[in-house]
Amino acid sequence: MKTLNQKCILIIDDDAGILRALDKALTGEGATVIPTVWAGDAIEILSARQQRIDLVITDLRMPVLNGMTAVYAIHEVFPELPIIVLTAYGSPDVQAECFRQGAATFLEKPLNTTELLSAIEETFAARKTSA
């Protein structure tokens, strides 16, 4: 059984290779993936509400509109939407700030598919128990 059937995941990362890898891993588990390289596009997609989004995965270091700003903006408008932050530049301070801005989960790159899927499952499980 695919663990992410019926889930729609919006991914924000300016690295095309990371987007492809995440898309492949998550679609392989049954998810619908909407990839975007710019946080501004992601906010537009969410605001249009043309498709139900179950989860956002975002990188932190991106040009123009960084991931921290995206986490804050998304959480302000969609407080129930879980956000997973991925970064290669993590620290305890960065992690704490991500959680303050509304992130549900914080993961450091590089990570493998098993770690990612486990974090996604834990994020969804935490949302069910708090609902």
C-alpha atoms as a PDB file:
ATOM      1  CA  MET A   1       0.000   0.000   0.000  1.00  0.00           C
ATOM      2  CA  LYS A   2       1.316   3.413  -0.913  1.00  0.00           C
ATOM      3  CA  THR A   3       1.599   5.605   2.150  1.00  0.00           C
ATOM      4  CA  LEU A   4       0.714   8.932   0.528  1.00  0.00           C
ATOM      5  CA  ASN A   5      -2.314   7.993  -1.588  1.00  0.00           C
ATOM      6  CA  GLN A   6      -4.749  10.891  -1.947  1.00  0.00           C
ATOM      7  CA  LYS A   7      -2.216  13.419  -0.570  1.00  0.00           C
ATOM      8  CA  CYS A   8      -1.200  16.532  -2.493  1.00  0.00           C
ATOM      9  CA  ILE A   9       2.202  17.951  -1.616  1.00  0.00           C
ATOM     10  CA  LEU A  10       3.508  21.351  -2.692  1.00  0.00           C
ATOM     11  CA  ILE A  11       7.308  21.460  -2.893  1.00  0.00           C
ATOM     12  CA  ILE A  12       9.313  24.695  -3.008  1.00  0.00           C
ATOM     13  CA  ASP A  13      13.001  24.434  -3.913  1.00  0.00           C
ATOM     14  CA  ASP A  14      15.141  26.399  -6.342  1.00  0.00           C
ATOM     15  CA  ASP A  15      17.309  23.320  -7.022  1.00  0.00           C
ATOM     16  CA  ALA A  16      15.807  21.428  -9.985  1.00  0.00           C
ATOM     17  CA  GLY A  17      17.640  18.233  -8.989  1.00  0.00           C
ATOM     18  CA  ILE A  18      16.120  18.268  -5.502  1.00  0.00           C
ATOM     19  CA  LEU A  19      12.671  18.964  -6.964  1.00  0.00           C
ATOM     20  CA  ARG A  20      12.993  15.979  -9.315  1.00  0.00           C
ATOM     21  CA  ALA A  21      14.219  13.681  -6.538  1.00  0.00           C
ATOM     22  CA  LEU A  22      11.433  14.685  -4.151  1.00  0.00           C
ATOM     23  CA  ASP A  23       8.831  14.441  -6.914  1.00  0.00           C
ATOM     24  CA  LYS A  24       9.976  10.931  -7.826  1.00  0.00           C
ATOM     25  CA  ALA A  25      10.094   9.725  -4.212  1.00  0.00           C
ATOM     26  CA  LEU A  26       6.697  11.138  -3.274  1.00  0.00           C
ATOM     27  CA  THR A  27       4.824  10.204  -6.444  1.00  0.00           C
ATOM     28  CA  GLY A  28       6.259   6.722  -5.985  1.00  0.00           C
ATOM     29  CA  GLU A  29       4.368   6.627  -2.684  1.00  0.00           C
ATOM     30  CA  GLY A  30       1.130   7.715  -4.329  1.00  0.00           C
ATOM     31  CA  ALA A  31       1.214  11.469  -3.691  1.00  0.00           C
ATOM     32  CA  THR A  32       0.339  14.157  -6.166  1.00  0.00           C
ATOM     33  CA  VAL A  33       3.247  16.595  -6.250  1.00  0.00           C
ATOM     34  CA  ILE A  34       3.163  20.238  -7.281  1.00  0.00           C
ATOM     35  CA  PRO A  35       6.765  21.416  -7.670  1.00  0.00           C
ATOM     36  CA  THR A  36       7.729  25.089  -7.762  1.00  0.00           C
ATOM     37  CA  VAL A  37      11.100  26.815  -7.769  1.00  0.00           C
ATOM     38  CA  TRP A  38       9.891  30.072  -6.250  1.00  0.00           C
ATOM     39  CA  ALA A  39       8.056  30.642  -2.976  1.00  0.00           C
ATOM     40  CA  GLY A  40       5.961  33.389  -4.553  1.00  0.00           C
ATOM     41  CA  ASP A  41       4.490  30.862  -6.986  1.00  0.00           C
ATOM     42  CA  ALA A  42       3.707  28.528  -4.098  1.00  0.00           C
ATOM     43  CA  ILE A  43       1.826  31.252  -2.260  1.00  0.00           C
ATOM     44  CA  GLU A  44      -0.159  32.002  -5.437  1.00  0.00           C
ATOM     45  CA  ILE A  45      -0.987  28.297  -5.849  1.00  0.00           C
ATOM     46  CA  LEU A  46      -2.210  28.105  -2.257  1.00  0.00           C
ATOM     47  CA  SER A  47      -4.183  31.334  -2.540  1.00  0.00           C
ATOM     48  CA  ALA A  48      -5.931  30.205  -5.744  1.00  0.00           C
ATOM     49  CA  ARG A  49      -7.337  27.209  -3.810  1.00  0.00           C
ATOM     50  CA  GLN A  50      -7.847  25.305  -7.042  1.00  0.00           C
ATOM     51  CA  GLN A  51      -6.487  22.128  -5.505  1.00  0.00           C
ATOM     52  CA  ARG A  52      -6.429  20.869  -1.932  1.00  0.00           C
ATOM     53  CA  ILE A  53      -2.854  20.939  -0.616  1.00  0.00           C
ATOM     54  CA  ASP A  54      -2.146  18.595   2.303  1.00  0.00           C
ATOM     55  CA  LEU A  55       1.485  19.494   2.970  1.00  0.00           C
ATOM     56  CA  VAL A  56       4.156  22.010   1.971  1.00  0.00           C
ATOM     57  CA  ILE A  57       7.829  21.070   1.819  1.00  0.00           C
ATOM     58  CA  THR A  58      10.182  24.030   1.421  1.00  0.00           C
ATOM     59  CA  ASP A  59      13.870  24.696   1.222  1.00  0.00           C
ATOM     60  CA  LEU A  60      15.178  27.602   3.305  1.00  0.00           C
ATOM     61  CA  ARG A  61      17.881  29.108   1.123  1.00  0.00           C
ATOM     62  CA  MET A  62      16.309  30.487  -2.020  1.00  0.00           C
ATOM     63  CA  PRO A  63      16.745  33.758  -3.877  1.00  0.00           C
ATOM     64  CA  VAL A  64      14.315  36.687  -3.591  1.00  0.00           C
ATOM     65  CA  LEU A  65      11.775  35.132  -1.202  1.00  0.00           C
ATOM     66  CA  ASN A  66      13.505  32.742   1.200  1.00  0.00           C
ATOM     67  CA  GLY A  67      11.972  29.712   2.857  1.00  0.00           C
ATOM     68  CA  MET A  68      11.645  31.335   6.289  1.00  0.00           C
ATOM     69  CA  THR A  69       9.510  34.105   4.803  1.00  0.00           C
ATOM     70  CA  ALA A  70       7.466  31.498   2.940  1.00  0.00           C
ATOM     71  CA  VAL A  71       6.913  29.481   6.134  1.00  0.00           C
ATOM     72  CA  TYR A  72       5.697  32.597   7.933  1.00  0.00           C
ATOM     73  CA  ALA A  73       3.418  33.735   5.079  1.00  0.00           C
ATOM     74  CA  ILE A  74       1.911  30.293   4.520  1.00  0.00           C
ATOM     75  CA  HIS A  75       1.378  29.680   8.231  1.00  0.00           C
ATOM     76  CA  GLU A  76      -0.282  33.083   8.690  1.00  0.00           C
ATOM     77  CA  VAL A  77      -2.865  32.418   5.968  1.00  0.00           C
ATOM     78  CA  PHE A  78      -3.186  28.623   6.330  1.00  0.00           C
ATOM     79  CA  PRO A  79      -2.366  27.843   9.979  1.00  0.00           C
ATOM     80  CA  GLU A  80      -3.608  24.242   9.749  1.00  0.00           C
ATOM     81  CA  LEU A  81      -1.417  23.409   6.728  1.00  0.00           C
ATOM     82  CA  PRO A  82       1.677  21.487   7.863  1.00  0.00           C
ATOM     83  CA  ILE A  83       5.019  22.730   6.568  1.00  0.00           C
ATOM     84  CA  ILE A  84       8.224  20.717   6.477  1.00  0.00           C
ATOM     85  CA  VAL A  85      11.453  22.681   6.156  1.00  0.00           C
ATOM     86  CA  LEU A  86      14.456  21.129   4.414  1.00  0.00           C
ATOM     87  CA  THR A  87      17.853  22.778   4.625  1.00  0.00           C
ATOM     88  CA  ALA A  88      21.519  22.046   4.195  1.00  0.00           C
ATOM     89  CA  TYR A  89      22.303  24.995   6.462  1.00  0.00           C
ATOM     90  CA  GLY A  90      20.663  24.053   9.718  1.00  0.00           C
ATOM     91  CA  SER A  91      21.543  25.022  13.245  1.00  0.00           C
ATOM     92  CA  PRO A  92      19.626  24.940  16.521  1.00  0.00           C
ATOM     93  CA  ASP A  93      18.851  28.658  16.114  1.00  0.00           C
ATOM     94  CA  VAL A  94      17.586  28.212  12.548  1.00  0.00           C
ATOM     95  CA  GLN A  95      15.495  25.224  13.613  1.00  0.00           C
ATOM     96  CA  ALA A  96      13.977  27.144  16.531  1.00  0.00           C
ATOM     97  CA  GLU A  97      13.134  30.086  14.265  1.00  0.00           C
ATOM     98  CA  CYS A  98      11.459  27.762  11.732  1.00  0.00           C
ATOM     99  CA  PHE A  99       9.250  26.351  14.484  1.00  0.00           C
ATOM    100  CA  ARG A 100       8.451  29.883  15.739  1.00  0.00           C
ATOM    101  CA  GLN A 101       7.395  30.850  12.208  1.00  0.00           C
ATOM    102  CA  GLY A 102       5.046  27.853  11.931  1.00  0.00           C
ATOM    103  CA  ALA A 103       6.997  24.881  10.577  1.00  0.00           C
ATOM    104  CA  ALA A 104       5.752  21.486  11.721  1.00  0.00           C
ATOM    105  CA  THR A 105       8.974  19.603  10.982  1.00  0.00           C
ATOM    106  CA  PHE A 106      12.612  20.530  10.332  1.00  0.00           C
ATOM    107  CA  LEU A 107      14.915  18.229   8.348  1.00  0.00           C
ATOM    108  CA  GLU A 108      18.522  18.638   7.344  1.00  0.00           C
ATOM    109  CA  LYS A 109      19.873  17.706   3.922  1.00  0.00           C
ATOM    110  CA  PRO A 110      21.106  15.363   2.772  1.00  0.00           C
ATOM    111  CA  LEU A 111      18.370  12.992   3.765  1.00  0.00           C
ATOM    112  CA  ASN A 112      17.159   9.738   2.324  1.00  0.00           C
ATOM    113  CA  THR A 113      13.686   8.767   1.187  1.00  0.00           C
ATOM    114  CA  THR A 114      13.029   6.703   4.305  1.00  0.00           C
ATOM    115  CA  GLU A 115      13.781   9.675   6.583  1.00  0.00           C
ATOM    116  CA  LEU A 116      11.572  11.955   4.494  1.00  0.00           C
ATOM    117  CA  LEU A 117       8.636   9.536   4.390  1.00  0.00           C
ATOM    118  CA  SER A 118       8.914   8.912   8.121  1.00  0.00           C
ATOM    119  CA  ALA A 119       8.885  12.657   8.815  1.00  0.00           C
ATOM    120  CA  ILE A 120       5.860  13.140   6.543  1.00  0.00           C
ATOM    121  CA  GLU A 121       3.963  10.324   8.257  1.00  0.00           C
ATOM    122  CA  GLU A 122       4.822  11.749  11.703  1.00  0.00           C
ATOM    123  CA  THR A 123       3.693  15.208  10.585  1.00  0.00           C
ATOM    124  CA  PHE A 124       0.333  13.893   9.376  1.00  0.00           C
ATOM    125  CA  ALA A 125      -0.079  11.761  12.532  1.00  0.00           C
ATOM    126  CA  ALA A 126       0.619  14.778  14.757  1.00  0.00           C
ATOM    127  CA  ARG A 127      -2.022  16.795  12.885  1.00  0.00           C
ATOM    128  CA  LYS A 128      -4.606  14.018  13.396  1.00  0.00           C
ATOM    129  CA  THR A 129      -3.997  13.798  17.125  1.00  0.00           C
ATOM    130  CA  SER A 130      -4.156  17.561  17.601  1.00  0.00           C
ATOM    131  CA  ALA A 131      -7.357  17.908  15.555  1.00  0.00           C
END
